[in-house]
C-alpha cells in the first residue's frame, strides 16, 4: 500500500516531491510508514533516505515562517490542472544549491510570524486545554507577543 505526497509551500507555490509513502517493503513485508523517494532524471538515481531528508531539511529552513502543507498528488492536479502555477522542485541540485538567506535567527524569525497565525495557534491551544486534551507540560520561556 502506498500513496504519493508532496510538500507544498502555500506562500511561494513551490512543491517538493516526497515520493510514495509506503507501509510495505519491496517484498510485501510490513514496515513503518516512510517516504520512498523519487527518481531524479537529472542525476539518474532515486532521491531517498539521507538525500531525501537533506532536501526536506533544506526546503524547511528556506521556507521557515511560511505556510507548508503535505498534500496528496490529486490535490495538486486539482488546483493546478495545467501545471503552470506551481513550481515543482524536481532536481536535487535545484534545492540543495539554494542559499539560506537570511540566515536563521530565532528572534528575527519570531518577529516575522504574523499576529493572525499566533492568535490562531493560541486559540487552538486554549481550546485543547479547555477540553482537557492537553498532552504534556513543557518547561521554558513563554512565547512573547509579536513585535511588528
Protein backbone atom coordinates (compact mmCIF):
# COMPACT_ATOMS: atom_id res chain seq x y z
CA UNK A 1 0.00 0.00 0.00
CA UNK A 2 1.45 3.40 -0.97
CA UNK A 3 0.33 6.95 -1.63
CA UNK A 4 2.19 9.80 -3.33
CA UNK A 5 2.63 13.04 -1.37
CA UNK A 6 4.27 16.43 -1.84
CA UNK A 7 5.36 19.22 0.48
CA UNK A 8 3.68 22.42 -0.75
CA UNK A 9 4.74 25.92 0.26
CA UNK A 10 1.45 27.78 0.06
CA UNK A 11 3.17 31.19 0.06
CA UNK A 12 5.65 30.54 -2.78
CA UNK A 13 3.71 27.82 -4.66
CA UNK A 14 6.82 25.62 -4.63
CA UNK A 15 6.37 21.87 -4.43
CA UNK A 16 8.85 19.30 -3.13
CA UNK A 17 8.07 15.75 -4.23
CA UNK A 18 8.27 13.31 -1.32
CA UNK A 19 7.56 10.24 -3.40
CA UNK A 20 5.32 7.48 -2.26
CA UNK A 21 4.64 6.88 1.40
CA UNK A 22 4.56 3.14 1.90
CA UNK A 23 3.96 0.72 4.76
CA UNK A 24 5.22 -2.36 2.92
CA UNK A 25 8.72 -3.09 1.67
CA UNK A 26 9.57 -4.39 -1.82
CA UNK A 27 8.75 -7.95 -0.71
CA UNK A 28 5.40 -7.01 0.83
CA UNK A 29 6.55 -7.21 4.45
CA UNK A 30 5.12 -4.56 6.81
CA UNK A 31 7.36 -1.59 7.64
CA UNK A 32 6.70 1.72 9.42
CA UNK A 33 5.25 4.33 7.05
CA UNK A 34 8.06 6.12 5.21
CA UNK A 35 8.70 8.30 2.18
CA UNK A 36 10.28 6.11 -0.50
CA UNK A 37 11.65 8.98 -2.57
CA UNK A 38 11.57 9.61 -6.31
CA UNK A 39 13.68 9.37 -9.44
CA UNK A 40 15.72 12.50 -10.24
CA UNK A 41 16.19 12.21 -14.01
CA UNK A 42 18.93 14.87 -13.99
CA UNK A 43 21.25 12.61 -11.96
CA UNK A 44 19.77 9.24 -12.92
CA UNK A 45 19.08 7.82 -9.46
CA UNK A 46 16.43 7.73 -6.74
CA UNK A 47 16.39 10.52 -4.19
CA UNK A 48 15.68 8.67 -0.96
CA UNK A 49 16.77 8.19 2.64
CA UNK A 50 19.59 10.66 3.56
CA UNK A 51 19.36 12.66 0.31
CA UNK A 52 15.58 13.00 0.66
CA UNK A 53 15.91 14.03 4.32
CA UNK A 54 18.54 16.59 3.32
CA UNK A 55 16.23 18.04 0.67
CA UNK A 56 13.34 18.21 3.13
CA UNK A 57 15.53 19.91 5.73
CA UNK A 58 16.76 22.47 3.19
CA UNK A 59 13.22 23.10 1.92
CA UNK A 60 12.03 23.67 5.50
CA UNK A 61 14.79 26.05 6.58
CA UNK A 62 14.48 28.08 3.37
CA UNK A 63 10.74 28.48 3.91
CA UNK A 64 10.65 28.98 7.67
CA UNK A 65 7.74 31.17 8.70
CA UNK A 66 5.77 30.26 5.57
CA UNK A 67 2.71 28.05 5.39
CA UNK A 68 3.60 24.49 4.42
CA UNK A 69 1.26 21.57 3.78
CA UNK A 70 1.79 17.91 2.99
CA UNK A 71 -0.69 17.17 0.22
CA UNK A 72 -1.54 14.18 -1.98
CA UNK A 73 -0.86 14.11 -5.72
CA UNK A 74 -4.54 14.50 -6.59
CA UNK A 75 -4.74 17.82 -4.73
CA UNK A 76 -2.04 19.35 -6.94
CA UNK A 77 -3.74 18.04 -10.08
CA UNK A 78 -6.99 19.63 -8.92
CA UNK A 79 -5.63 23.09 -8.03
CA UNK A 80 -3.19 23.41 -10.96
CA UNK A 81 -4.55 21.23 -13.78
CA UNK A 82 -2.35 22.86 -16.45
CA UNK A 83 0.81 22.70 -14.33
CA UNK A 84 1.54 26.38 -14.93
CA UNK A 85 1.10 27.86 -11.44
CA UNK A 86 3.09 25.54 -9.20
CA UNK A 87 6.87 25.26 -9.35
CA UNK A 88 7.91 21.63 -8.87
CA UNK A 89 11.39 21.33 -7.40
CA UNK A 90 12.24 18.12 -9.20
CA UNK A 91 16.04 18.14 -9.15
CA UNK A 92 18.22 17.52 -6.10
CA UNK A 93 20.61 20.29 -7.15
CA UNK A 94 17.80 22.83 -7.53
CA UNK A 95 17.01 22.55 -3.83
CA UNK A 96 20.46 21.91 -2.39
CA UNK A 97 22.13 24.81 -4.23
CA UNK A 98 19.69 27.39 -2.85
CA UNK A 99 21.37 29.80 -0.45
CA UNK A 100 19.88 30.10 3.02
CA UNK A 101 19.29 33.85 3.11
CA UNK A 102 18.65 35.32 5.52
CA UNK A 103 20.48 33.03 7.90
CA UNK A 104 18.26 31.60 10.64
CA UNK A 105 17.84 33.92 13.61
CA UNK A 106 15.32 32.90 16.26
CA UNK A 107 14.42 36.47 17.23
CA UNK A 108 14.08 37.78 13.66
CA UNK A 109 12.08 34.70 12.69
CA UNK A 110 9.83 35.16 15.72
CA UNK A 111 9.13 38.79 14.76
CA UNK A 112 8.12 37.68 11.24
CA UNK A 113 5.34 35.38 12.47
CA UNK A 114 2.05 37.07 11.55
CA UNK A 115 -0.12 38.08 14.51
CA UNK A 116 -3.10 36.27 12.92
CA UNK A 117 -1.16 33.00 12.97
CA UNK A 118 -0.09 33.48 16.59
CA UNK A 119 -3.71 34.20 17.57
CA UNK A 120 -4.97 31.12 15.69
CA UNK A 121 -2.46 28.84 17.41
CA UNK A 122 -3.15 30.39 20.83
CA UNK A 123 -6.90 29.81 20.33
CA UNK A 124 -6.25 26.19 19.32
CA UNK A 125 -4.04 25.67 22.40
CA UNK A 126 -6.63 27.24 24.70
CA UNK A 127 -9.38 25.05 23.22
CA UNK A 128 -7.26 21.93 23.64
CA UNK A 129 -6.55 22.73 27.28
CA UNK A 130 -10.19 23.72 27.96
CA UNK A 131 -11.35 20.40 26.51
CA UNK A 132 -8.94 18.51 28.76
CA UNK A 133 -6.96 17.18 25.79
CA UNK A 134 -3.58 18.69 26.66
CA UNK A 135 -0.82 16.11 26.28
CA UNK A 136 2.13 17.40 28.29
CA UNK A 137 3.67 20.37 30.04
CA UNK A 138 6.84 21.80 28.54
CA UNK A 139 9.19 23.94 30.55
CA UNK A 140 10.74 27.00 29.03
CA UNK A 141 10.16 30.61 28.29
CA UNK A 142 6.66 31.61 27.13
CA UNK A 143 6.42 32.96 23.57
CA UNK A 144 6.27 36.75 23.78
CA UNK A 145 3.72 38.72 21.76
CA UNK A 146 4.63 39.76 18.24
CA UNK A 147 6.82 42.81 17.79
CA UNK A 148 5.53 44.05 14.42
